[in-house]
Amino acid sequence: MRYFKVDSDIYLSYDEASKTSSVISKTEIKELTDRLLKDMPEVPNDAELLEWANANYPGILNIGNQNKRVDELQAQLVELNKIR
């Protein structure tokens, strides 16, 4: 993408790949960016995410423990299978 200045606010953008051009305004881009940022919700912190996960996915924190238990049981089966 290449840009050509028309005045202090207006630019022409030219996309060499598609051979298309458009007129863009720095002011419009700034206003759109500001509006999007204003409307964007805050990112939850770790404590809020953990509270949400516990409320919506009960038991999710036990997956690590369950995986450990499955590994222990599988290791036990391997040992039992060695006995003839």
N, C-alpha and C. Protein backbone atom coordinates (compact mmCIF):
# COMPACT_ATOMS: atom_id res chain seq x y z
N MET A 1 0.84 -1.16 0.00
CA MET A 1 0.00 0.00 0.00
C MET A 1 0.90 1.24 0.00
N ARG A 2 0.56 2.14 -0.89
CA ARG A 2 1.31 3.40 -0.96
C ARG A 2 0.34 4.54 -0.70
N TYR A 3 0.84 5.61 -0.09
CA TYR A 3 0.01 6.76 0.24
C TYR A 3 0.58 8.01 -0.42
N PHE A 4 -0.33 8.86 -0.91
CA PHE A 4 0.05 10.12 -1.53
C PHE A 4 -0.72 11.23 -0.85
N LYS A 5 -0.01 12.21 -0.35
CA LYS A 5 -0.63 13.29 0.40
C LYS A 5 -1.31 14.27 -0.55
N VAL A 6 -2.57 14.59 -0.28
CA VAL A 6 -3.30 15.58 -1.05
C VAL A 6 -3.28 16.90 -0.28
N ASP A 7 -3.65 16.85 1.00
CA ASP A 7 -3.51 18.01 1.88
C ASP A 7 -3.20 17.49 3.29
N SER A 8 -3.36 18.34 4.29
CA SER A 8 -2.96 17.94 5.65
C SER A 8 -3.82 16.81 6.22
N ASP A 9 -5.01 16.57 5.65
CA ASP A 9 -5.90 15.53 6.17
C ASP A 9 -6.22 14.43 5.16
N ILE A 10 -6.16 14.73 3.91
CA ILE A 10 -6.60 13.81 2.85
C ILE A 10 -5.39 13.17 2.18
N TYR A 11 -5.51 11.85 1.98
CA TYR A 11 -4.48 11.08 1.29
C TYR A 11 -5.13 10.17 0.27
N LEU A 12 -4.40 9.80 -0.73
CA LEU A 12 -4.81 8.76 -1.66
C LEU A 12 -4.04 7.51 -1.27
N SER A 13 -4.74 6.40 -1.17
CA SER A 13 -4.05 5.14 -0.92
C SER A 13 -4.11 4.33 -2.21
N TYR A 14 -3.01 3.68 -2.51
CA TYR A 14 -2.95 2.89 -3.74
C TYR A 14 -2.41 1.51 -3.40
N ASP A 15 -3.20 0.50 -3.74
CA ASP A 15 -2.82 -0.89 -3.51
C ASP A 15 -2.26 -1.43 -4.82
N GLU A 16 -0.97 -1.67 -4.85
CA GLU A 16 -0.32 -2.13 -6.09
C GLU A 16 -0.78 -3.52 -6.49
N ALA A 17 -1.09 -4.36 -5.53
CA ALA A 17 -1.50 -5.73 -5.85
C ALA A 17 -2.84 -5.75 -6.57
N SER A 18 -3.80 -4.99 -6.07
CA SER A 18 -5.14 -5.01 -6.68
C SER A 18 -5.34 -3.87 -7.68
N LYS A 19 -4.36 -2.97 -7.76
CA LYS A 19 -4.43 -1.82 -8.67
C LYS A 19 -5.65 -0.95 -8.36
N THR A 20 -5.94 -0.79 -7.07
CA THR A 20 -7.07 0.05 -6.66
C THR A 20 -6.58 1.21 -5.82
N SER A 21 -7.36 2.27 -5.83
CA SER A 21 -7.01 3.42 -5.01
C SER A 21 -8.26 3.90 -4.28
N SER A 22 -8.04 4.64 -3.20
CA SER A 22 -9.14 5.22 -2.45
C SER A 22 -8.66 6.48 -1.76
N VAL A 23 -9.63 7.29 -1.40
CA VAL A 23 -9.34 8.53 -0.68
C VAL A 23 -9.56 8.24 0.80
N ILE A 24 -8.58 8.62 1.61
CA ILE A 24 -8.71 8.40 3.05
C ILE A 24 -8.45 9.71 3.78
N SER A 25 -9.06 9.82 4.95
CA SER A 25 -8.93 11.01 5.77
C SER A 25 -8.34 10.61 7.12
N LYS A 26 -7.29 11.30 7.53
CA LYS A 26 -6.70 11.03 8.83
C LYS A 26 -7.70 11.30 9.94
N THR A 27 -8.50 12.35 9.80
CA THR A 27 -9.50 12.69 10.81
C THR A 27 -10.53 11.58 10.95
N GLU A 28 -11.03 11.07 9.83
CA GLU A 28 -12.02 10.00 9.89
C GLU A 28 -11.44 8.74 10.51
N ILE A 29 -10.21 8.42 10.18
CA ILE A 29 -9.55 7.24 10.77
C ILE A 29 -9.40 7.43 12.27
N LYS A 30 -8.99 8.62 12.68
CA LYS A 30 -8.82 8.91 14.11
C LYS A 30 -10.16 8.81 14.83
N GLU A 31 -11.24 9.38 14.25
CA GLU A 31 -12.56 9.33 14.88
C GLU A 31 -13.07 7.90 15.00
N LEU A 32 -12.89 7.12 13.95
CA LEU A 32 -13.32 5.72 13.98
C LEU A 32 -12.55 4.94 15.04
N THR A 33 -11.24 5.16 15.09
CA THR A 33 -10.40 4.48 16.07
C THR A 33 -10.83 4.85 17.49
N ASP A 34 -11.06 6.14 17.73
CA ASP A 34 -11.49 6.59 19.05
C ASP A 34 -12.83 5.98 19.44
N ARG A 35 -13.78 5.92 18.49
CA ARG A 35 -15.10 5.35 18.77
C ARG A 35 -14.99 3.86 19.09
N LEU A 36 -14.18 3.15 18.31
CA LEU A 36 -14.01 1.71 18.56
C LEU A 36 -13.36 1.46 19.92
N LEU A 37 -12.37 2.26 20.26
CA LEU A 37 -11.70 2.09 21.56
C LEU A 37 -12.65 2.42 22.70
N LYS A 38 -13.49 3.44 22.52
CA LYS A 38 -14.45 3.83 23.56
C LYS A 38 -15.48 2.73 23.79
N ASP A 39 -15.91 2.08 22.71
CA ASP A 39 -16.94 1.05 22.80
C ASP A 39 -16.39 -0.32 23.20
N MET A 40 -15.10 -0.46 23.21
CA MET A 40 -14.48 -1.74 23.52
C MET A 40 -14.57 -2.02 25.02
N PRO A 41 -15.06 -3.19 25.40
CA PRO A 41 -15.15 -3.48 26.83
C PRO A 41 -13.75 -3.65 27.44
N GLU A 42 -13.69 -3.44 28.76
CA GLU A 42 -12.41 -3.63 29.44
C GLU A 42 -12.06 -5.10 29.46
N VAL A 43 -10.78 -5.38 29.40
CA VAL A 43 -10.30 -6.77 29.47
C VAL A 43 -10.37 -7.20 30.93
N PRO A 44 -11.02 -8.33 31.20
CA PRO A 44 -11.11 -8.77 32.60
C PRO A 44 -9.73 -9.17 33.14
N ASN A 45 -9.56 -8.95 34.45
CA ASN A 45 -8.29 -9.35 35.06
C ASN A 45 -8.33 -10.85 35.37
N ASP A 46 -7.23 -11.37 35.84
CA ASP A 46 -7.12 -12.81 36.09
C ASP A 46 -8.15 -13.31 37.10
N ALA A 47 -8.38 -12.53 38.14
CA ALA A 47 -9.34 -12.95 39.18
C ALA A 47 -10.75 -13.02 38.59
N GLU A 48 -11.10 -12.05 37.75
CA GLU A 48 -12.42 -12.06 37.12
C GLU A 48 -12.56 -13.23 36.16
N LEU A 49 -11.51 -13.52 35.42
CA LEU A 49 -11.54 -14.67 34.50
C LEU A 49 -11.69 -15.98 35.26
N LEU A 50 -10.99 -16.11 36.36
CA LEU A 50 -11.08 -17.32 37.16
C LEU A 50 -12.48 -17.48 37.75
N GLU A 51 -13.05 -16.37 38.22
CA GLU A 51 -14.41 -16.41 38.77
C GLU A 51 -15.41 -16.83 37.67
N TRP A 52 -15.23 -16.27 36.47
CA TRP A 52 -16.11 -16.62 35.35
C TRP A 52 -15.96 -18.09 34.98
N ALA A 53 -14.73 -18.57 34.92
CA ALA A 53 -14.49 -19.97 34.57
C ALA A 53 -15.11 -20.91 35.60
N ASN A 54 -14.96 -20.58 36.87
CA ASN A 54 -15.55 -21.43 37.92
C ASN A 54 -17.07 -21.45 37.83
N ALA A 55 -17.66 -20.30 37.49
CA ALA A 55 -19.12 -20.22 37.40
C ALA A 55 -19.65 -20.94 36.16
N ASN A 56 -18.92 -20.87 35.07
CA ASN A 56 -19.40 -21.40 33.80
C ASN A 56 -18.89 -22.80 33.47
N TYR A 57 -17.79 -23.17 34.06
CA TYR A 57 -17.20 -24.48 33.80
C TYR A 57 -16.78 -25.12 35.11
N PRO A 58 -17.76 -25.49 35.93
CA PRO A 58 -17.38 -26.10 37.21
C PRO A 58 -16.55 -27.37 36.97
N GLY A 59 -15.54 -27.50 37.76
CA GLY A 59 -14.69 -28.68 37.63
C GLY A 59 -13.54 -28.51 36.66
N ILE A 60 -13.49 -27.40 35.93
CA ILE A 60 -12.42 -27.21 34.94
C ILE A 60 -11.05 -27.20 35.62
N LEU A 61 -11.01 -26.71 36.85
CA LEU A 61 -9.73 -26.65 37.55
C LEU A 61 -9.25 -28.03 37.97
N ASN A 62 -10.16 -29.00 37.97
CA ASN A 62 -9.79 -30.36 38.36
C ASN A 62 -9.20 -31.15 37.20
N ILE A 63 -9.20 -30.59 36.01
CA ILE A 63 -8.70 -31.33 34.85
C ILE A 63 -7.25 -31.75 35.06
N GLY A 64 -6.44 -30.84 35.61
CA GLY A 64 -5.03 -31.19 35.87
C GLY A 64 -4.92 -32.36 36.81
N ASN A 65 -5.73 -32.36 37.86
CA ASN A 65 -5.72 -33.47 38.81
C ASN A 65 -6.21 -34.76 38.15
N GLN A 66 -7.24 -34.64 37.33
CA GLN A 66 -7.77 -35.82 36.63
C GLN A 66 -6.74 -36.38 35.67
N ASN A 67 -6.04 -35.50 34.95
CA ASN A 67 -5.00 -35.98 34.03
C ASN A 67 -3.90 -36.70 34.80
N LYS A 68 -3.54 -36.15 35.95
CA LYS A 68 -2.51 -36.79 36.76
C LYS A 68 -2.98 -38.18 37.21
N ARG A 69 -4.23 -38.28 37.63
CA ARG A 69 -4.78 -39.56 38.08
C ARG A 69 -4.83 -40.56 36.93
N VAL A 70 -5.22 -40.11 35.73
CA VAL A 70 -5.25 -40.99 34.55
C VAL A 70 -3.84 -41.49 34.25
N ASP A 71 -2.86 -40.60 34.34
CA ASP A 71 -1.47 -41.02 34.11
C ASP A 71 -1.03 -42.08 35.12
N GLU A 72 -1.42 -41.87 36.38
CA GLU A 72 -1.06 -42.84 37.42
C GLU A 72 -1.72 -44.20 37.13
N LEU A 73 -2.98 -44.18 36.76
CA LEU A 73 -3.68 -45.43 36.46
C LEU A 73 -3.10 -46.14 35.24
N GLN A 74 -2.76 -45.36 34.23
CA GLN A 74 -2.16 -45.96 33.03
C GLN A 74 -0.81 -46.57 33.36
N ALA A 75 -0.04 -45.90 34.19
CA ALA A 75 1.26 -46.44 34.60
C ALA A 75 1.06 -47.74 35.40
N GLN A 76 0.03 -47.76 36.21
CA GLN A 76 -0.29 -48.96 36.98
C GLN A 76 -0.65 -50.11 36.03
N LEU A 77 -1.46 -49.82 35.00
CA LEU A 77 -1.80 -50.86 34.02
C LEU A 77 -0.58 -51.39 33.30
N VAL A 78 0.34 -50.50 32.96
CA VAL A 78 1.57 -50.93 32.29
C VAL A 78 2.32 -51.91 33.19
N GLU A 79 2.43 -51.55 34.47
CA GLU A 79 3.12 -52.43 35.43
C GLU A 79 2.39 -53.77 35.58
N LEU A 80 1.07 -53.74 35.65
CA LEU A 80 0.30 -54.98 35.78
C LEU A 80 0.43 -55.86 34.54
N ASN A 81 0.50 -55.24 33.37
CA ASN A 81 0.65 -55.98 32.13
C ASN A 81 2.01 -56.66 32.00
N LYS A 82 2.99 -56.17 32.75
CA LYS A 82 4.31 -56.77 32.72
C LYS A 82 4.35 -58.07 33.50
N ILE A 83 3.41 -58.22 34.44
CA ILE A 83 3.37 -59.44 35.25
C ILE A 83 2.71 -60.55 34.46
N ARG A 84 3.41 -61.68 34.36
CA ARG A 84 2.89 -62.82 33.59
C ARG A 84 2.53 -63.95 34.48
